[in-house]
Amino acid sequence: MSDSATTRTPLFYRRPELLTPASHGNLRVRSGGYGFASEANAVPLAIIEFGAAMRNYPIVFAAGDNYPVALLGLDRANRFVTEGAWADDAYIPAYVRRYPFVFVDRADDTFVLAIDRDADNVVNGGVEGQALFANGEPTDMVRGIMDFCRDFHGAHIQTDHFVAGLAEQDLLVPQHADAKLPSGRAMVLSGFKVVDRQKFEALPDDVILDWHRKGWLALIHFHLLSLDRFAGLLEREEAASLEVATEPAAPEIASTETQEFAA
């Protein structure tokens, strides 16, 4: 068994490796900002994040796997990252905050921590940043990351159940966003779905009661309310368009492969 991922890697990750003191005893992680996310127009979002994320981003569902995503741009870029810094007034999704770490799903159904060895903020040796190991043992920073990734994985499972419920009731419908900038440039974003309001309002009483107890009704309302954030996203696109010399092709939601790695 190799210590690197054997399946396709999710968004951002280039060379994930199982974290071990033997292979990574000298590695350190420095504060590197969020430049790695500057070209992502959407990132996966767990349901426990809906309440915070809805204040800044449209929350939609990726067309491929129906997984919820925070929409970060109408073009092929993240309009919340400037020179490596995330907008001060915006919530940073957990998927972004956990990078360059991730849990690896092993064949025996256990999980171990992995790191993207090619991440720009991972360095070998020196004194910059935080060490991953001390005397062959994980540092407090790594233990904290393990707890964070464990919580994230649990939230991922909860989100899968929520998405399955939406699909079972056939609530998700394809959607696209049309916009026109003051410059006259037209923009069309496709590749995502939203909850059909009429189907949602027509759900049977037993489903409504079940979803109320699960907290899913609030999640759907968060999603629907978040769609008002498209106006703010358009404003960010307008600001960015002042620096655009050519008109790119119409974008879709970027791939947001959310599965944990298998090793």
Protein backbone atom coordinates (compact mmCIF):
# COMPACT_ATOMS: atom_id res chain seq x y z
CA MET A 1 0.00 0.00 0.00
CA SER A 2 1.42 3.34 -1.01
CA ASP A 3 1.36 6.27 1.37
CA SER A 4 -0.10 8.53 -1.31
CA ALA A 5 -3.66 8.70 -2.55
CA THR A 6 -4.69 6.10 -5.11
CA THR A 7 -7.88 7.80 -6.32
CA ARG A 8 -8.52 11.14 -7.98
CA THR A 9 -7.95 13.98 -5.62
CA PRO A 10 -10.51 16.60 -4.56
CA LEU A 11 -10.33 20.30 -5.19
CA PHE A 12 -6.97 21.93 -4.24
CA TYR A 13 -5.06 18.71 -3.40
CA ARG A 14 -2.14 17.75 -5.65
CA ARG A 15 0.00 15.15 -3.82
CA PRO A 16 -1.69 13.95 -0.62
CA GLU A 17 0.37 11.58 1.53
CA LEU A 18 -0.43 9.74 4.74
CA LEU A 19 1.18 11.73 7.53
CA THR A 20 3.91 9.75 9.35
CA PRO A 21 6.89 10.82 11.48
CA ALA A 22 9.19 8.65 9.35
CA SER A 23 8.32 10.44 6.11
CA HIS A 24 7.35 13.88 7.39
CA GLY A 25 9.27 14.33 10.63
CA ASN A 26 10.96 17.49 9.38
CA LEU A 27 7.94 19.12 7.76
CA ARG A 28 6.55 22.40 8.99
CA VAL A 29 3.42 24.32 8.00
CA ARG A 30 3.67 28.08 7.69
CA SER A 31 0.94 30.65 7.32
CA GLY A 32 0.46 30.78 3.56
CA GLY A 33 -2.84 32.54 3.03
CA TYR A 34 -5.56 31.40 0.67
CA GLY A 35 -3.96 31.87 -2.71
CA PHE A 36 -4.52 28.17 -3.44
CA ALA A 37 -8.28 28.89 -3.55
CA SER A 38 -8.11 31.96 -5.81
CA GLU A 39 -9.29 30.11 -8.93
CA ALA A 40 -12.15 28.17 -7.32
CA ASN A 41 -15.57 29.62 -8.06
CA ALA A 42 -17.21 27.20 -5.59
CA VAL A 43 -16.18 25.03 -2.63
CA PRO A 44 -18.01 22.22 -0.79
CA LEU A 45 -20.07 23.25 2.22
CA ALA A 46 -21.28 21.06 5.09
CA ILE A 47 -24.80 21.60 6.38
CA ILE A 48 -23.54 22.81 9.78
CA GLU A 49 -22.04 25.79 7.91
CA PHE A 50 -25.22 26.94 6.17
CA GLY A 51 -26.17 29.45 8.87
CA ALA A 52 -22.81 31.22 8.69
CA ALA A 53 -22.23 30.90 4.95
CA MET A 54 -25.65 32.19 3.89
CA ARG A 55 -24.66 35.70 5.00
CA ASN A 56 -21.98 35.92 2.31
CA TYR A 57 -22.52 33.35 -0.42
CA PRO A 58 -25.26 31.82 -2.52
CA ILE A 59 -25.54 28.20 -1.34
CA VAL A 60 -26.34 25.93 -4.28
CA PHE A 61 -25.93 22.25 -5.14
CA ALA A 62 -23.34 20.94 -7.61
CA ALA A 63 -24.97 19.38 -10.66
CA GLY A 64 -22.78 16.28 -10.56
CA ASP A 65 -23.29 14.88 -7.06
CA ASN A 66 -25.84 17.35 -5.60
CA TYR A 67 -23.38 18.26 -2.84
CA PRO A 68 -23.91 21.78 -1.45
CA VAL A 69 -21.35 24.41 -2.36
CA ALA A 70 -20.68 28.01 -1.47
CA LEU A 71 -20.62 30.00 -4.68
CA LEU A 72 -17.57 32.28 -4.70
CA GLY A 73 -17.70 33.76 -8.18
CA LEU A 74 -19.75 33.90 -11.37
CA ASP A 75 -16.61 33.63 -13.45
CA ARG A 76 -13.69 31.20 -13.19
CA ALA A 77 -12.31 32.82 -10.05
CA ASN A 78 -12.87 33.28 -6.32
CA ARG A 79 -13.98 36.87 -5.81
CA PHE A 80 -13.37 36.65 -2.05
CA VAL A 81 -9.59 36.17 -2.30
CA THR A 82 -7.31 39.08 -3.11
CA GLU A 83 -3.53 38.65 -3.09
CA GLY A 84 -3.87 35.52 -0.98
CA ALA A 85 -6.13 37.08 1.67
CA TRP A 86 -9.78 36.11 2.18
CA ALA A 87 -12.23 38.99 2.51
CA ASP A 88 -12.25 40.10 6.15
CA ASP A 89 -16.03 40.26 6.40
CA ALA A 90 -16.71 36.83 4.88
CA TYR A 91 -17.01 33.37 6.42
CA ILE A 92 -14.25 30.97 5.33
CA PRO A 93 -15.63 27.48 4.60
CA ALA A 94 -14.19 24.59 6.62
CA TYR A 95 -13.15 22.82 3.42
CA VAL A 96 -10.77 25.70 2.78
CA ARG A 97 -9.59 26.06 6.38
CA ARG A 98 -8.54 22.42 6.70
CA TYR A 99 -6.15 22.59 3.73
CA PRO A 100 -3.43 21.24 3.35
CA PHE A 101 -4.72 18.46 5.65
CA VAL A 102 -7.39 15.85 4.97
CA PHE A 103 -8.61 12.53 6.33
CA VAL A 104 -7.84 9.38 4.34
CA ASP A 105 -10.42 6.60 4.22
CA ARG A 106 -8.49 3.32 4.45
CA ALA A 107 -9.59 -0.13 3.30
CA ASP A 108 -10.32 -1.23 6.88
CA ASP A 109 -12.81 1.66 7.34
CA THR A 110 -10.44 3.60 9.57
CA PHE A 111 -9.25 7.13 8.95
CA VAL A 112 -5.78 8.62 9.12
CA LEU A 113 -4.53 12.14 8.58
CA ALA A 114 -2.89 13.11 5.29
CA ILE A 115 -1.19 16.23 4.03
CA ASP A 116 -0.80 17.73 0.57
CA ARG A 117 2.97 17.46 0.21
CA ASP A 118 2.94 19.94 -2.69
CA ALA A 119 1.08 22.68 -0.81
CA ASP A 120 2.93 25.99 -1.01
CA ASN A 121 2.87 26.46 2.76
CA VAL A 122 4.41 23.06 3.57
CA VAL A 123 8.19 23.35 4.02
CA ASN A 124 10.92 20.86 4.83
CA GLY A 125 13.05 21.90 7.79
CA GLY A 126 14.01 25.34 8.95
CA VAL A 127 12.30 27.32 11.69
CA GLU A 128 9.48 28.96 9.79
CA GLY A 129 5.97 27.83 10.63
CA GLN A 130 4.81 25.09 13.00
CA ALA A 131 6.38 21.64 13.29
CA LEU A 132 4.23 18.58 12.64
CA PHE A 133 6.22 16.25 14.89
CA ALA A 134 8.43 16.57 17.96
CA ASN A 135 10.55 13.59 19.02
CA GLY A 136 8.52 11.40 16.69
CA GLU A 137 5.18 12.40 18.20
CA PRO A 138 2.45 14.63 16.69
CA THR A 139 2.52 18.19 17.97
CA ASP A 140 -0.47 19.93 19.51
CA MET A 141 -1.08 21.57 16.15
CA VAL A 142 -1.45 18.19 14.43
CA ARG A 143 -3.70 16.88 17.21
CA GLY A 144 -5.92 19.92 16.76
CA ILE A 145 -6.03 19.36 13.00
CA MET A 146 -7.00 15.71 13.58
CA ASP A 147 -9.94 16.82 15.72
CA PHE A 148 -10.93 19.40 13.10
CA CYS A 149 -10.81 16.84 10.25
CA ARG A 150 -12.72 14.30 12.35
CA ASP A 151 -15.49 16.84 12.94
CA PHE A 152 -15.45 17.77 9.26
CA HIS A 153 -15.81 14.12 8.24
CA GLY A 154 -18.78 13.71 10.58
CA ALA A 155 -20.40 16.82 9.08
CA HIS A 156 -19.73 15.40 5.61
CA ILE A 157 -21.71 12.26 6.48
CA GLN A 158 -24.60 14.34 7.84
CA THR A 159 -24.57 16.37 4.64
CA ASP A 160 -24.73 13.21 2.51
CA HIS A 161 -27.90 12.17 4.38
CA PHE A 162 -29.45 15.60 3.81
CA VAL A 163 -28.64 15.54 0.10
CA ALA A 164 -30.04 12.02 -0.22
CA GLY A 165 -33.29 13.24 1.37
CA LEU A 166 -33.57 16.10 -1.13
CA ALA A 167 -32.95 13.71 -4.02
CA GLU A 168 -35.49 11.21 -2.71
CA GLN A 169 -38.18 13.91 -2.77
CA ASP A 170 -36.96 15.15 -6.18
CA LEU A 171 -36.55 18.69 -4.87
CA LEU A 172 -33.39 19.71 -6.73
CA VAL A 173 -33.77 21.28 -10.17
CA PRO A 174 -31.10 22.56 -12.60
CA GLN A 175 -30.58 26.31 -12.57
CA HIS A 176 -28.33 28.90 -14.17
CA ALA A 177 -27.43 32.47 -13.35
CA ASP A 178 -27.56 35.20 -15.98
CA ALA A 179 -25.97 38.57 -15.35
CA LYS A 180 -24.94 41.61 -17.33
CA LEU A 181 -22.20 43.92 -16.13
CA PRO A 182 -22.33 47.71 -16.63
CA SER A 183 -19.68 47.25 -19.31
CA GLY A 184 -22.22 45.27 -21.31
CA ARG A 185 -20.47 41.97 -20.75
CA ALA A 186 -22.96 39.11 -20.31
CA MET A 187 -22.24 36.31 -17.85
CA VAL A 188 -23.89 32.91 -17.55
CA LEU A 189 -23.08 30.41 -14.78
CA SER A 190 -24.38 26.86 -15.10
CA GLY A 191 -23.73 23.47 -13.55
CA PHE A 192 -25.71 23.85 -10.33
CA LYS A 193 -29.11 23.08 -8.83
CA VAL A 194 -31.48 24.73 -6.37
CA VAL A 195 -34.47 23.57 -4.34
CA ASP A 196 -37.74 23.84 -6.24
CA ARG A 197 -39.91 26.07 -4.03
CA GLN A 198 -43.23 24.67 -5.27
CA LYS A 199 -42.18 21.07 -4.66
CA PHE A 200 -40.83 22.02 -1.26
CA GLU A 201 -44.09 23.67 -0.24
CA ALA A 202 -46.01 20.59 -1.44
CA LEU A 203 -44.10 18.06 0.69
CA PRO A 204 -46.34 15.61 2.60
CA ASP A 205 -46.98 16.38 6.26
CA ASP A 206 -45.09 13.31 7.48
CA VAL A 207 -41.98 14.41 5.57
CA ILE A 208 -42.29 17.96 6.92
CA LEU A 209 -42.48 16.66 10.48
CA ASP A 210 -39.54 14.30 9.99
CA TRP A 211 -37.40 17.02 8.42
CA HIS A 212 -38.37 19.50 11.13
CA ARG A 213 -37.08 17.10 13.77
CA LYS A 214 -33.87 16.58 11.79
CA GLY A 215 -33.34 20.31 11.34
CA TRP A 216 -33.52 20.03 7.57
CA LEU A 217 -36.33 22.54 7.08
CA ALA A 218 -34.13 25.31 8.46
CA LEU A 219 -31.32 24.23 6.12
CA ILE A 220 -33.59 24.57 3.10
CA HIS A 221 -34.70 28.02 4.22
CA PHE A 222 -31.03 29.01 4.68
CA HIS A 223 -30.36 27.82 1.13
CA LEU A 224 -33.29 29.73 -0.34
CA LEU A 225 -32.47 32.91 1.57
CA SER A 226 -28.83 32.68 0.49
CA LEU A 227 -29.83 33.03 -3.16
CA ASP A 228 -30.25 36.75 -2.46
CA ARG A 229 -26.46 36.88 -2.16
CA PHE A 230 -26.20 36.66 -5.96
CA ALA A 231 -26.57 40.46 -6.00
CA GLY A 232 -23.47 40.90 -3.83
CA LEU A 233 -21.57 38.39 -5.93
CA LEU A 234 -22.44 40.37 -9.05
CA GLU A 235 -21.02 43.50 -7.42
CA ARG A 236 -17.75 41.68 -6.84
CA GLU A 237 -17.72 40.56 -10.47
CA GLU A 238 -18.31 44.13 -11.59
CA ALA A 239 -15.31 45.29 -9.57
CA ALA A 240 -13.15 42.50 -10.97
CA SER A 241 -14.31 43.13 -14.56
CA LEU A 242 -12.57 46.49 -14.58
CA GLU A 243 -9.30 44.55 -14.81
CA VAL A 244 -10.49 42.02 -17.42
CA ALA A 245 -9.40 42.70 -20.97
CA THR A 246 -11.07 39.76 -22.70
CA GLU A 247 -14.33 37.91 -22.20
CA PRO A 248 -13.84 34.27 -21.14
CA ALA A 249 -16.13 31.38 -22.03
CA ALA A 250 -19.24 30.85 -19.90
CA PRO A 251 -18.14 29.00 -16.76
CA GLU A 252 -19.72 26.16 -14.81
CA ILE A 253 -19.39 25.23 -11.16
CA ALA A 254 -15.85 23.94 -10.78
CA SER A 255 -15.36 20.30 -9.80
CA THR A 256 -15.92 19.95 -6.07
CA GLU A 257 -15.03 16.29 -5.56
CA THR A 258 -15.84 15.83 -1.88
CA GLN A 259 -15.01 12.21 -1.12
CA GLU A 260 -12.22 11.55 1.33
CA PHE A 261 -9.17 9.91 -0.19
CA ALA A 262 -8.75 6.15 -0.22
CA ALA A 263 -5.37 4.62 0.44
